Amino acid sequence: MTSIDGWRVLGSLRGGDGFTMSDIALALTIPPPSLTRIVDKLVDGGFVVRRVDAMDRRRVLIYLSARGKTKVRRLVRQEGLVKSALIDEFGEDTAVHLIRTLARVSDLSMPTSR
């Protein structure tokens, strides 16, 4: 699993107790058909699981699997290392500016729900 959208989905599930596909699609501005394909790949890779909501059996919730939690922890650790390297190379102010600028560029490249 190397897709950026796949990483975004994994990150969105971190710290949560299950999310509907609609919740994820709205939060990440990913069209539902695309999200279904992404989640299918994550399920096939063992990174997430689908479970029927115990409170409302009509709803299916998406959870990180143990493998997905491990992958997210590694991703967060790598993110911290990259931020530290940027600060070491450019200084804190410039690194923060660079990170914010890259986040804005990333946001601009995402589809919007207009």
C-alpha atoms as a PDB file:
ATOM      1  CA  MET A   1       0.000   0.000   0.000  1.00  0.00           C
ATOM      2  CA  THR A   2       1.755   3.099  -1.211  1.00  0.00           C
ATOM      3  CA  SER A   3      -1.075   5.426  -2.150  1.00  0.00           C
ATOM      4  CA  ILE A   4      -1.115   8.846  -0.537  1.00  0.00           C
ATOM      5  CA  ASP A   5      -4.876   8.574  -0.136  1.00  0.00           C
ATOM      6  CA  GLY A   6      -4.350   5.237   1.600  1.00  0.00           C
ATOM      7  CA  TRP A   7      -2.003   6.914   4.081  1.00  0.00           C
ATOM      8  CA  ARG A   8      -4.547   9.698   4.563  1.00  0.00           C
ATOM      9  CA  VAL A   9      -7.283   7.172   5.359  1.00  0.00           C
ATOM     10  CA  LEU A  10      -5.055   5.340   7.838  1.00  0.00           C
ATOM     11  CA  GLY A  11      -4.160   8.625   9.517  1.00  0.00           C
ATOM     12  CA  SER A  12      -7.814   9.641   9.758  1.00  0.00           C
ATOM     13  CA  LEU A  13      -8.630   6.430  11.619  1.00  0.00           C
ATOM     14  CA  ARG A  14      -5.906   6.987  14.217  1.00  0.00           C
ATOM     15  CA  GLY A  15      -7.277   7.552  17.684  1.00  0.00           C
ATOM     16  CA  GLY A  16     -10.835   6.844  16.596  1.00  0.00           C
ATOM     17  CA  ASP A  17     -13.300   4.187  17.560  1.00  0.00           C
ATOM     18  CA  GLY A  18     -14.573   3.343  14.095  1.00  0.00           C
ATOM     19  CA  PHE A  19     -15.786   5.659  11.362  1.00  0.00           C
ATOM     20  CA  THR A  20     -18.367   5.302   8.623  1.00  0.00           C
ATOM     21  CA  MET A  21     -17.299   5.558   5.013  1.00  0.00           C
ATOM     22  CA  SER A  22     -19.367   8.750   4.783  1.00  0.00           C
ATOM     23  CA  ASP A  23     -17.491  10.292   7.719  1.00  0.00           C
ATOM     24  CA  ILE A  24     -14.133   9.457   6.149  1.00  0.00           C
ATOM     25  CA  ALA A  25     -15.149  10.653   2.675  1.00  0.00           C
ATOM     26  CA  LEU A  26     -16.371  13.964   4.077  1.00  0.00           C
ATOM     27  CA  ALA A  27     -13.333  14.522   6.307  1.00  0.00           C
ATOM     28  CA  LEU A  28     -10.830  13.752   3.562  1.00  0.00           C
ATOM     29  CA  THR A  29     -12.844  15.104   0.606  1.00  0.00           C
ATOM     30  CA  ILE A  30     -12.476  11.823  -1.246  1.00  0.00           C
ATOM     31  CA  PRO A  31     -15.384  10.831  -3.513  1.00  0.00           C
ATOM     32  CA  PRO A  32     -17.196   7.794  -2.033  1.00  0.00           C
ATOM     33  CA  PRO A  33     -16.498   5.467  -5.012  1.00  0.00           C
ATOM     34  CA  SER A  34     -12.774   6.284  -4.778  1.00  0.00           C
ATOM     35  CA  LEU A  35     -12.814   5.787  -1.014  1.00  0.00           C
ATOM     36  CA  THR A  36     -14.424   2.374  -1.448  1.00  0.00           C
ATOM     37  CA  ARG A  37     -11.564   1.292  -3.728  1.00  0.00           C
ATOM     38  CA  ILE A  38      -8.974   2.669  -1.285  1.00  0.00           C
ATOM     39  CA  VAL A  39     -10.571   0.948   1.723  1.00  0.00           C
ATOM     40  CA  ASP A  40     -10.905  -2.316  -0.236  1.00  0.00           C
ATOM     41  CA  LYS A  41      -7.134  -2.241  -0.832  1.00  0.00           C
ATOM     42  CA  LEU A  42      -6.485  -1.439   2.838  1.00  0.00           C
ATOM     43  CA  VAL A  43      -8.723  -4.349   3.878  1.00  0.00           C
ATOM     44  CA  ASP A  44      -6.929  -6.661   1.420  1.00  0.00           C
ATOM     45  CA  GLY A  45      -3.590  -5.516   2.872  1.00  0.00           C
ATOM     46  CA  GLY A  46      -4.759  -6.200   6.418  1.00  0.00           C
ATOM     47  CA  PHE A  47      -4.486  -2.541   7.483  1.00  0.00           C
ATOM     48  CA  VAL A  48      -8.174  -1.935   8.253  1.00  0.00           C
ATOM     49  CA  VAL A  49     -11.258  -3.996   9.057  1.00  0.00           C
ATOM     50  CA  ARG A  50     -14.933  -3.406   8.418  1.00  0.00           C
ATOM     51  CA  ARG A  51     -17.358  -4.183  11.247  1.00  0.00           C
ATOM     52  CA  VAL A  52     -21.104  -3.850  11.570  1.00  0.00           C
ATOM     53  CA  ASP A  53     -22.004  -1.165  14.136  1.00  0.00           C
ATOM     54  CA  ALA A  54     -23.309  -2.889  17.282  1.00  0.00           C
ATOM     55  CA  MET A  55     -25.746  -0.002  17.899  1.00  0.00           C
ATOM     56  CA  ASP A  56     -27.083   0.200  14.339  1.00  0.00           C
ATOM     57  CA  ARG A  57     -26.650  -2.934  12.257  1.00  0.00           C
ATOM     58  CA  ARG A  58     -27.300  -0.944   9.068  1.00  0.00           C
ATOM     59  CA  ARG A  59     -24.004   0.900   9.517  1.00  0.00           C
ATOM     60  CA  VAL A  60     -20.560  -0.461   8.767  1.00  0.00           C
ATOM     61  CA  LEU A  61     -17.621   1.079  10.613  1.00  0.00           C
ATOM     62  CA  ILE A  62     -13.987   1.103   9.525  1.00  0.00           C
ATOM     63  CA  TYR A  63     -11.277   0.417  12.120  1.00  0.00           C
ATOM     64  CA  LEU A  64      -7.510   0.174  12.050  1.00  0.00           C
ATOM     65  CA  SER A  65      -6.327  -3.411  12.408  1.00  0.00           C
ATOM     66  CA  ALA A  66      -3.325  -4.289  14.567  1.00  0.00           C
ATOM     67  CA  ARG A  67      -1.211  -4.157  11.401  1.00  0.00           C
ATOM     68  CA  GLY A  68      -2.714  -0.776  10.500  1.00  0.00           C
ATOM     69  CA  LYS A  69      -1.970   0.615  13.969  1.00  0.00           C
ATOM     70  CA  THR A  70       1.640  -0.525  13.647  1.00  0.00           C
ATOM     71  CA  LYS A  71       1.903   1.096  10.204  1.00  0.00           C
ATOM     72  CA  VAL A  72       0.437   4.376  11.501  1.00  0.00           C
ATOM     73  CA  ARG A  73       2.851   4.419  14.454  1.00  0.00           C
ATOM     74  CA  ARG A  74       5.743   3.995  12.013  1.00  0.00           C
ATOM     75  CA  LEU A  75       4.375   6.736   9.784  1.00  0.00           C
ATOM     76  CA  VAL A  76       4.037   9.136  12.728  1.00  0.00           C
ATOM     77  CA  ARG A  77       7.578   8.296  13.843  1.00  0.00           C
ATOM     78  CA  GLN A  78       8.907   8.909  10.311  1.00  0.00           C
ATOM     79  CA  GLU A  79       7.000  12.183  10.138  1.00  0.00           C
ATOM     80  CA  GLY A  80       8.689  13.290  13.357  1.00  0.00           C
ATOM     81  CA  LEU A  81      12.103  12.392  11.959  1.00  0.00           C
ATOM     82  CA  VAL A  82      11.445  14.373   8.780  1.00  0.00           C
ATOM     83  CA  LYS A  83      10.302  17.397  10.797  1.00  0.00           C
ATOM     84  CA  SER A  84      13.413  17.175  12.968  1.00  0.00           C
ATOM     85  CA  ALA A  85      15.628  16.958   9.888  1.00  0.00           C
ATOM     86  CA  LEU A  86      13.928  20.004   8.367  1.00  0.00           C
ATOM     87  CA  ILE A  87      14.418  21.976  11.575  1.00  0.00           C
ATOM     88  CA  ASP A  88      18.075  20.931  11.739  1.00  0.00           C
ATOM     89  CA  GLU A  89      18.642  21.918   8.118  1.00  0.00           C
ATOM     90  CA  PHE A  90      16.623  25.143   7.877  1.00  0.00           C
ATOM     91  CA  GLY A  91      15.934  26.277  11.436  1.00  0.00           C
ATOM     92  CA  GLU A  92      12.592  26.127  13.194  1.00  0.00           C
ATOM     93  CA  ASP A  93      10.913  29.181  11.634  1.00  0.00           C
ATOM     94  CA  THR A  94      11.764  28.217   8.063  1.00  0.00           C
ATOM     95  CA  ALA A  95      10.895  24.553   8.668  1.00  0.00           C
ATOM     96  CA  VAL A  96       7.491  25.480  10.108  1.00  0.00           C
ATOM     97  CA  HIS A  97       6.849  27.766   7.135  1.00  0.00           C
ATOM     98  CA  LEU A  98       7.881  25.012   4.709  1.00  0.00           C
ATOM     99  CA  ILE A  99       5.650  22.423   6.400  1.00  0.00           C
ATOM    100  CA  ARG A 100       2.661  24.793   6.338  1.00  0.00           C
ATOM    101  CA  THR A 101       3.296  25.645   2.695  1.00  0.00           C
ATOM    102  CA  LEU A 102       3.505  21.976   1.740  1.00  0.00           C
ATOM    103  CA  ALA A 103       0.274  21.279   3.636  1.00  0.00           C
ATOM    104  CA  ARG A 104      -1.439  24.055   1.678  1.00  0.00           C
ATOM    105  CA  VAL A 105      -0.135  22.658  -1.612  1.00  0.00           C
ATOM    106  CA  SER A 106      -1.412  19.232  -0.589  1.00  0.00           C
ATOM    107  CA  ASP A 107      -4.819  20.705   0.297  1.00  0.00           C
ATOM    108  CA  LEU A 108      -5.006  22.419  -3.097  1.00  0.00           C
ATOM    109  CA  SER A 109      -4.391  19.128  -4.865  1.00  0.00           C
ATOM    110  CA  MET A 110      -7.287  17.417  -3.081  1.00  0.00           C
ATOM    111  CA  PRO A 111     -10.726  17.327  -4.699  1.00  0.00           C
ATOM    112  CA  THR A 112     -13.270  19.638  -3.110  1.00  0.00           C
ATOM    113  CA  SER A 113     -16.938  19.063  -2.424  1.00  0.00           C
ATOM    114  CA  ARG A 114     -18.192  22.155  -4.251  1.00  0.00           C
END
